[in-house]
Amino acid sequence: MNQNSKKIFEDSRETIVMYYTYLHLGYFYSQLSKHEDLSCKSRNIWIDFGTNKYLLRENIIKRSLADMYKKSQSPDFFSHLILNNSIRGITMALFEALKDVEIKKLFLGYIFRNDEEAYNNFEGLVRFIRNTFSHNIRDRIELRKKDYGKQTDYLRKKGKSTLNFFFDYTKSPIPINRENYTVKIDIDFNQIKDGVVYTHIISEYQTLLFIELCYNCMEYLKDKLG
């Protein structure tokens, strides 16, 4: 692999690891805030930029922590943002990396064992999730048909309207030994209309399994750069 491709891979991997860690640590803190009233620990936070400091205000921190604790049984914005930002960050980083021919060859050869259809479905799913989350700024992730025009046209040329992805860890080179550990996502592009909620097409559970797969692939391939 040439040096430019290695640089792209490492930059992408570093970003994916960062967001994957953020998912775990951030979600832990969100759940901790539901079980412990941390509002009593609130204080002004100064972000130090050397000659300048930016203030994060105690009253906002305290109010938010108190609200999360009082409404521990309800969904909270913190958990929601952590999930969405992790999904967005990981798929955006991998989407950019897969534009590189050498990185694509790594995935095709090592992860998908030269099964081009399986690889294309994987790449298509990365593209679909990336488009969805990078084009949404609202808390309710809604689909817009125009975001998937190229994918729809590509499938139509092959006489298809669905993207079907299945990954079984036990039949892959990734050394994770969990019984019945698979990722299965099917997208019917005929069901996509403006305003359709993302989770009606792909569940949050399968989405998290998929971004975990993205992370696991990059960790496995880091030793295969050549």
C-alpha atoms as a PDB file:
ATOM      1  CA  MET A   1       0.000   0.000   0.000  1.00  0.00           C
ATOM      2  CA  ASN A   2       1.328   3.432  -0.901  1.00  0.00           C
ATOM      3  CA  GLN A   3       2.050   6.072   1.728  1.00  0.00           C
ATOM      4  CA  ASN A   4      -0.922   8.244   0.810  1.00  0.00           C
ATOM      5  CA  SER A   5      -3.344   5.328   1.225  1.00  0.00           C
ATOM      6  CA  LYS A   6      -1.726   4.440   4.549  1.00  0.00           C
ATOM      7  CA  LYS A   7      -2.190   8.019   5.732  1.00  0.00           C
ATOM      8  CA  ILE A   8      -5.857   8.005   4.704  1.00  0.00           C
ATOM      9  CA  PHE A   9      -6.375   4.656   6.456  1.00  0.00           C
ATOM     10  CA  GLU A  10      -4.713   5.782   9.683  1.00  0.00           C
ATOM     11  CA  ASP A  11      -6.596   9.081   9.755  1.00  0.00           C
ATOM     12  CA  SER A  12      -9.887   7.251   9.226  1.00  0.00           C
ATOM     13  CA  ARG A  13      -9.062   4.592  11.805  1.00  0.00           C
ATOM     14  CA  GLU A  14      -8.055   7.193  14.391  1.00  0.00           C
ATOM     15  CA  THR A  15     -11.378   9.002  13.891  1.00  0.00           C
ATOM     16  CA  ILE A  16     -13.378   5.778  14.092  1.00  0.00           C
ATOM     17  CA  VAL A  17     -11.608   4.679  17.297  1.00  0.00           C
ATOM     18  CA  MET A  18     -12.251   8.116  18.806  1.00  0.00           C
ATOM     19  CA  TYR A  19     -15.978   7.990  18.053  1.00  0.00           C
ATOM     20  CA  TYR A  20     -16.266   4.356  19.171  1.00  0.00           C
ATOM     21  CA  THR A  21     -14.659   5.263  22.507  1.00  0.00           C
ATOM     22  CA  TYR A  22     -16.888   8.352  22.734  1.00  0.00           C
ATOM     23  CA  LEU A  23     -19.945   6.105  22.256  1.00  0.00           C
ATOM     24  CA  HIS A  24     -18.961   3.927  25.214  1.00  0.00           C
ATOM     25  CA  LEU A  25     -17.752   6.638  27.551  1.00  0.00           C
ATOM     26  CA  GLY A  26     -20.444   9.158  26.663  1.00  0.00           C
ATOM     27  CA  TYR A  27     -23.272   6.671  27.052  1.00  0.00           C
ATOM     28  CA  PHE A  28     -21.833   5.557  30.392  1.00  0.00           C
ATOM     29  CA  TYR A  29     -21.918   9.136  31.667  1.00  0.00           C
ATOM     30  CA  SER A  30     -25.445   9.630  30.362  1.00  0.00           C
ATOM     31  CA  GLN A  31     -26.625   6.572  32.299  1.00  0.00           C
ATOM     32  CA  LEU A  32     -24.658   7.607  35.391  1.00  0.00           C
ATOM     33  CA  SER A  33     -26.463  10.961  35.290  1.00  0.00           C
ATOM     34  CA  LYS A  34     -29.788   9.119  35.420  1.00  0.00           C
ATOM     35  CA  HIS A  35     -28.838   7.076  38.481  1.00  0.00           C
ATOM     36  CA  GLU A  36     -26.894   9.679  40.469  1.00  0.00           C
ATOM     37  CA  ASP A  37     -27.820  13.304  40.995  1.00  0.00           C
ATOM     38  CA  LEU A  38     -24.640  14.944  39.797  1.00  0.00           C
ATOM     39  CA  SER A  39     -26.116  18.439  39.753  1.00  0.00           C
ATOM     40  CA  CYS A  40     -24.575  19.118  43.182  1.00  0.00           C
ATOM     41  CA  LYS A  41     -21.139  18.771  41.573  1.00  0.00           C
ATOM     42  CA  SER A  42     -21.824  21.460  38.980  1.00  0.00           C
ATOM     43  CA  ARG A  43     -19.430  24.361  38.546  1.00  0.00           C
ATOM     44  CA  ASN A  44     -18.215  26.737  35.895  1.00  0.00           C
ATOM     45  CA  ILE A  45     -15.849  25.057  33.454  1.00  0.00           C
ATOM     46  CA  TRP A  46     -13.180  27.060  31.692  1.00  0.00           C
ATOM     47  CA  ILE A  47     -11.744  25.712  28.426  1.00  0.00           C
ATOM     48  CA  ASP A  48      -8.207  27.045  28.315  1.00  0.00           C
ATOM     49  CA  PHE A  49      -6.843  28.234  24.966  1.00  0.00           C
ATOM     50  CA  GLY A  50      -3.706  29.826  26.378  1.00  0.00           C
ATOM     51  CA  THR A  51      -4.333  33.547  26.113  1.00  0.00           C
ATOM     52  CA  ASN A  52      -8.094  32.993  26.000  1.00  0.00           C
ATOM     53  CA  LYS A  53     -10.554  30.971  28.058  1.00  0.00           C
ATOM     54  CA  TYR A  54     -14.082  29.956  27.098  1.00  0.00           C
ATOM     55  CA  LEU A  55     -16.719  29.591  29.821  1.00  0.00           C
ATOM     56  CA  LEU A  56     -19.161  26.679  30.086  1.00  0.00           C
ATOM     57  CA  ARG A  57     -21.796  27.911  32.506  1.00  0.00           C
ATOM     58  CA  GLU A  58     -22.620  26.196  35.791  1.00  0.00           C
ATOM     59  CA  ASN A  59     -26.334  27.028  35.627  1.00  0.00           C
ATOM     60  CA  ILE A  60     -26.784  25.215  32.313  1.00  0.00           C
ATOM     61  CA  ILE A  61     -24.797  22.199  33.512  1.00  0.00           C
ATOM     62  CA  LYS A  62     -26.690  22.028  36.803  1.00  0.00           C
ATOM     63  CA  ARG A  63     -30.117  22.383  35.201  1.00  0.00           C
ATOM     64  CA  SER A  64     -29.376  19.692  32.607  1.00  0.00           C
ATOM     65  CA  LEU A  65     -28.008  17.203  35.147  1.00  0.00           C
ATOM     66  CA  ALA A  66     -30.940  17.754  37.498  1.00  0.00           C
ATOM     67  CA  ASP A  67     -33.392  17.251  34.656  1.00  0.00           C
ATOM     68  CA  MET A  68     -31.734  14.012  33.541  1.00  0.00           C
ATOM     69  CA  TYR A  69     -31.835  12.643  37.077  1.00  0.00           C
ATOM     70  CA  LYS A  70     -35.470  13.629  37.719  1.00  0.00           C
ATOM     71  CA  LYS A  71     -36.559  12.125  34.392  1.00  0.00           C
ATOM     72  CA  SER A  72     -34.422   8.999  34.599  1.00  0.00           C
ATOM     73  CA  GLN A  73     -37.084   6.841  32.928  1.00  0.00           C
ATOM     74  CA  SER A  74     -37.428   9.161  29.945  1.00  0.00           C
ATOM     75  CA  PRO A  75     -35.192   9.494  26.880  1.00  0.00           C
ATOM     76  CA  ASP A  76     -32.689  12.320  27.212  1.00  0.00           C
ATOM     77  CA  PHE A  77     -30.986  14.526  24.647  1.00  0.00           C
ATOM     78  CA  PHE A  78     -27.500  13.555  25.858  1.00  0.00           C
ATOM     79  CA  SER A  79     -27.912   9.845  25.044  1.00  0.00           C
ATOM     80  CA  HIS A  80     -29.594  10.716  21.767  1.00  0.00           C
ATOM     81  CA  LEU A  81     -26.755  12.999  20.668  1.00  0.00           C
ATOM     82  CA  ILE A  82     -24.120  10.460  21.675  1.00  0.00           C
ATOM     83  CA  LEU A  83     -25.724   7.740  19.559  1.00  0.00           C
ATOM     84  CA  ASN A  84     -26.306   9.966  16.545  1.00  0.00           C
ATOM     85  CA  ASN A  85     -22.887  11.611  16.624  1.00  0.00           C
ATOM     86  CA  SER A  86     -21.125   8.254  16.974  1.00  0.00           C
ATOM     87  CA  ILE A  87     -23.031   6.791  14.036  1.00  0.00           C
ATOM     88  CA  ARG A  88     -22.411   9.921  11.964  1.00  0.00           C
ATOM     89  CA  GLY A  89     -18.701  10.157  12.814  1.00  0.00           C
ATOM     90  CA  ILE A  90     -17.856   6.502  12.169  1.00  0.00           C
ATOM     91  CA  THR A  91     -19.707   6.176   8.863  1.00  0.00           C
ATOM     92  CA  MET A  92     -18.438   9.525   7.569  1.00  0.00           C
ATOM     93  CA  ALA A  93     -14.825   8.546   8.314  1.00  0.00           C
ATOM     94  CA  LEU A  94     -15.186   5.146   6.662  1.00  0.00           C
ATOM     95  CA  PHE A  95     -17.087   6.583   3.688  1.00  0.00           C
ATOM     96  CA  GLU A  96     -14.129   8.862   2.937  1.00  0.00           C
ATOM     97  CA  ALA A  97     -11.596   6.057   3.411  1.00  0.00           C
ATOM     98  CA  LEU A  98     -13.384   3.690   1.022  1.00  0.00           C
ATOM     99  CA  LYS A  99     -12.941   6.198  -1.798  1.00  0.00           C
ATOM    100  CA  ASP A 100      -9.294   5.087  -1.831  1.00  0.00           C
ATOM    101  CA  VAL A 101      -8.694   2.160  -4.189  1.00  0.00           C
ATOM    102  CA  GLU A 102      -6.060   0.525  -1.973  1.00  0.00           C
ATOM    103  CA  ILE A 103      -8.272   0.623   1.107  1.00  0.00           C
ATOM    104  CA  LYS A 104     -11.158  -0.804  -0.889  1.00  0.00           C
ATOM    105  CA  LYS A 105      -8.856  -3.690  -1.928  1.00  0.00           C
ATOM    106  CA  LEU A 106      -8.057  -4.348   1.738  1.00  0.00           C
ATOM    107  CA  PHE A 107     -11.735  -4.668   2.623  1.00  0.00           C
ATOM    108  CA  LEU A 108     -12.558  -6.697  -0.462  1.00  0.00           C
ATOM    109  CA  GLY A 109      -9.672  -9.121  -0.039  1.00  0.00           C
ATOM    110  CA  TYR A 110      -9.361  -9.574   3.707  1.00  0.00           C
ATOM    111  CA  ILE A 111     -12.860  -8.934   5.083  1.00  0.00           C
ATOM    112  CA  PHE A 112     -15.081 -10.078   2.218  1.00  0.00           C
ATOM    113  CA  ARG A 113     -12.719 -12.616   0.618  1.00  0.00           C
ATOM    114  CA  ASN A 114     -13.168 -11.157  -2.865  1.00  0.00           C
ATOM    115  CA  ASP A 115     -16.949 -11.429  -2.754  1.00  0.00           C
ATOM    116  CA  GLU A 116     -17.689  -8.226  -4.669  1.00  0.00           C
ATOM    117  CA  GLU A 117     -21.433  -8.328  -4.041  1.00  0.00           C
ATOM    118  CA  ALA A 118     -20.920  -8.585  -0.276  1.00  0.00           C
ATOM    119  CA  TYR A 119     -18.411  -5.729  -0.370  1.00  0.00           C
ATOM    120  CA  ASN A 120     -20.690  -3.562  -2.538  1.00  0.00           C
ATOM    121  CA  ASN A 121     -23.568  -4.104  -0.111  1.00  0.00           C
ATOM    122  CA  PHE A 122     -21.307  -3.118   2.778  1.00  0.00           C
ATOM    123  CA  GLU A 123     -20.101   0.006   1.012  1.00  0.00           C
ATOM    124  CA  GLY A 124     -23.679   0.830  -0.001  1.00  0.00           C
ATOM    125  CA  LEU A 125     -24.789   0.578   3.607  1.00  0.00           C
ATOM    126  CA  VAL A 126     -21.951   2.843   4.757  1.00  0.00           C
ATOM    127  CA  ARG A 127     -23.077   5.356   2.118  1.00  0.00           C
ATOM    128  CA  PHE A 128     -26.757   5.092   3.107  1.00  0.00           C
ATOM    129  CA  ILE A 129     -26.167   5.602   6.839  1.00  0.00           C
ATOM    130  CA  ARG A 130     -23.613   8.347   6.229  1.00  0.00           C
ATOM    131  CA  ASN A 131     -26.015  10.233   3.949  1.00  0.00           C
ATOM    132  CA  THR A 132     -28.848   9.875   6.437  1.00  0.00           C
ATOM    133  CA  PHE A 133     -26.978  11.148   9.472  1.00  0.00           C
ATOM    134  CA  SER A 134     -24.859  13.806   7.769  1.00  0.00           C
ATOM    135  CA  HIS A 135     -27.954  15.357   6.135  1.00  0.00           C
ATOM    136  CA  ASN A 136     -30.031  15.440   9.330  1.00  0.00           C
ATOM    137  CA  ILE A 137     -29.687  18.048  12.052  1.00  0.00           C
ATOM    138  CA  ARG A 138     -33.003  17.392  13.802  1.00  0.00           C
ATOM    139  CA  ASP A 139     -33.489  15.024  16.715  1.00  0.00           C
ATOM    140  CA  ARG A 140     -35.903  12.986  14.585  1.00  0.00           C
ATOM    141  CA  ILE A 141     -33.857  11.309  11.842  1.00  0.00           C
ATOM    142  CA  GLU A 142     -36.020  11.426   8.730  1.00  0.00           C
ATOM    143  CA  LEU A 143     -35.206  10.152   5.254  1.00  0.00           C
ATOM    144  CA  ARG A 144     -35.346  12.208   2.091  1.00  0.00           C
ATOM    145  CA  LYS A 145     -35.706  10.380  -1.188  1.00  0.00           C
ATOM    146  CA  LYS A 146     -33.347  12.726  -3.047  1.00  0.00           C
ATOM    147  CA  ASP A 147     -30.447  11.697  -0.773  1.00  0.00           C
ATOM    148  CA  TYR A 148     -30.503   8.154  -2.179  1.00  0.00           C
ATOM    149  CA  GLY A 149     -31.094   8.821  -5.883  1.00  0.00           C
ATOM    150  CA  LYS A 150     -27.716   7.463  -7.009  1.00  0.00           C
ATOM    151  CA  GLN A 151     -28.104   4.300  -4.949  1.00  0.00           C
ATOM    152  CA  THR A 152     -31.622   3.760  -6.257  1.00  0.00           C
ATOM    153  CA  ASP A 153     -30.427   4.222  -9.857  1.00  0.00           C
ATOM    154  CA  TYR A 154     -27.487   1.847  -9.293  1.00  0.00           C
ATOM    155  CA  LEU A 155     -29.772  -0.886  -7.961  1.00  0.00           C
ATOM    156  CA  ARG A 156     -32.338  -0.301 -10.690  1.00  0.00           C
ATOM    157  CA  LYS A 157     -29.682  -0.934 -13.346  1.00  0.00           C
ATOM    158  CA  LYS A 158     -29.092  -4.310 -11.704  1.00  0.00           C
ATOM    159  CA  GLY A 159     -32.816  -5.039 -11.675  1.00  0.00           C
ATOM    160  CA  LYS A 160     -33.081  -4.629  -7.907  1.00  0.00           C
ATOM    161  CA  SER A 161     -34.699  -2.276  -5.419  1.00  0.00           C
ATOM    162  CA  THR A 162     -33.194  -3.685  -2.226  1.00  0.00           C
ATOM    163  CA  LEU A 163     -29.819  -3.616  -0.507  1.00  0.00           C
ATOM    164  CA  ASN A 164     -29.298  -6.770   1.539  1.00  0.00           C
ATOM    165  CA  PHE A 165     -26.376  -7.067   3.923  1.00  0.00           C
ATOM    166  CA  PHE A 166     -25.520 -10.020   6.137  1.00  0.00           C
ATOM    167  CA  PHE A 167     -22.303 -10.528   8.077  1.00  0.00           C
ATOM    168  CA  ASP A 168     -21.525 -13.558  10.235  1.00  0.00           C
ATOM    169  CA  TYR A 169     -18.470 -13.113  12.438  1.00  0.00           C
ATOM    170  CA  THR A 170     -17.930 -16.877  12.721  1.00  0.00           C
ATOM    171  CA  LYS A 171     -17.377 -17.034   8.951  1.00  0.00           C
ATOM    172  CA  SER A 172     -15.105 -14.004   8.848  1.00  0.00           C
ATOM    173  CA  PRO A 173     -11.420 -13.487   9.657  1.00  0.00           C
ATOM    174  CA  ILE A 174     -12.227 -11.059  12.491  1.00  0.00           C
ATOM    175  CA  PRO A 175     -11.344 -12.895  15.734  1.00  0.00           C
ATOM    176  CA  ILE A 176     -14.526 -12.323  17.729  1.00  0.00           C
ATOM    177  CA  ASN A 177     -16.025 -15.449  19.233  1.00  0.00           C
ATOM    178  CA  ARG A 178     -19.639 -14.834  20.150  1.00  0.00           C
ATOM    179  CA  GLU A 179     -22.396 -17.288  19.393  1.00  0.00           C
ATOM    180  CA  ASN A 180     -24.875 -16.161  16.714  1.00  0.00           C
ATOM    181  CA  TYR A 181     -23.099 -12.817  16.333  1.00  0.00           C
ATOM    182  CA  THR A 182     -24.327 -11.401  13.050  1.00  0.00           C
ATOM    183  CA  VAL A 183     -25.308  -8.154  11.383  1.00  0.00           C
ATOM    184  CA  LYS A 184     -28.377  -8.275   9.141  1.00  0.00           C
ATOM    185  CA  ILE A 185     -29.786  -5.195   7.420  1.00  0.00           C
ATOM    186  CA  ASP A 186     -32.190  -5.065   4.481  1.00  0.00           C
ATOM    187  CA  ILE A 187     -33.202  -1.791   2.838  1.00  0.00           C
ATOM    188  CA  ASP A 188     -36.070  -1.627   0.369  1.00  0.00           C
ATOM    189  CA  PHE A 189     -35.599   1.660  -1.477  1.00  0.00           C
ATOM    190  CA  ASN A 190     -39.221   1.518  -2.638  1.00  0.00           C
ATOM    191  CA  GLN A 191     -40.225   2.160   0.984  1.00  0.00           C
ATOM    192  CA  ILE A 192     -38.223   5.377   1.218  1.00  0.00           C
ATOM    193  CA  LYS A 193     -40.397   8.461   1.063  1.00  0.00           C
ATOM    194  CA  ASP A 194     -39.744  11.950   2.345  1.00  0.00           C
ATOM    195  CA  GLY A 195     -40.367  11.986   6.089  1.00  0.00           C
ATOM    196  CA  VAL A 196     -40.018   8.247   6.698  1.00  0.00           C
ATOM    197  CA  VAL A 197     -38.220   7.753  10.037  1.00  0.00           C
ATOM    198  CA  TYR A 198     -34.814   6.101   9.739  1.00  0.00           C
ATOM    199  CA  THR A 199     -35.517   3.535  12.466  1.00  0.00           C
ATOM    200  CA  HIS A 200     -38.489   2.261  10.445  1.00  0.00           C
ATOM    201  CA  ILE A 201     -35.938   1.159   7.840  1.00  0.00           C
ATOM    202  CA  ILE A 202     -32.966   0.177  10.053  1.00  0.00           C
ATOM    203  CA  SER A 203     -33.262  -0.382  13.802  1.00  0.00           C
ATOM    204  CA  GLU A 204     -30.923   1.397  16.205  1.00  0.00           C
ATOM    205  CA  TYR A 205     -29.726  -2.012  17.375  1.00  0.00           C
ATOM    206  CA  GLN A 206     -28.655  -3.122  13.899  1.00  0.00           C
ATOM    207  CA  THR A 207     -27.118   0.301  13.269  1.00  0.00           C
ATOM    208  CA  LEU A 208     -24.961  -0.058  16.380  1.00  0.00           C
ATOM    209  CA  LEU A 209     -23.956  -3.572  15.322  1.00  0.00           C
ATOM    210  CA  PHE A 210     -22.970  -2.142  11.956  1.00  0.00           C
ATOM    211  CA  ILE A 211     -20.792   0.684  13.275  1.00  0.00           C
ATOM    212  CA  GLU A 212     -19.176  -1.840  15.623  1.00  0.00           C
ATOM    213  CA  LEU A 213     -18.393  -3.891  12.522  1.00  0.00           C
ATOM    214  CA  CYS A 214     -16.824  -0.810  10.904  1.00  0.00           C
ATOM    215  CA  TYR A 215     -14.634  -0.398  13.985  1.00  0.00           C
ATOM    216  CA  ASN A 216     -13.724  -4.104  14.101  1.00  0.00           C
ATOM    217  CA  CYS A 217     -12.790  -4.108  10.414  1.00  0.00           C
ATOM    218  CA  MET A 218     -10.414  -1.175  10.819  1.00  0.00           C
ATOM    219  CA  GLU A 219      -8.801  -2.726  13.894  1.00  0.00           C
ATOM    220  CA  TYR A 220      -8.312  -6.013  12.051  1.00  0.00           C
ATOM    221  CA  LEU A 221      -6.934  -4.369   8.900  1.00  0.00           C
ATOM    222  CA  LYS A 222      -4.429  -2.114  10.674  1.00  0.00           C
ATOM    223  CA  ASP A 223      -1.938  -4.988  10.608  1.00  0.00           C
ATOM    224  CA  LYS A 224      -2.564  -5.731   6.919  1.00  0.00           C
ATOM    225  CA  LEU A 225      -1.407  -2.444   5.403  1.00  0.00           C
ATOM    226  CA  GLY A 226       1.773  -3.907   3.944  1.00  0.00           C
END
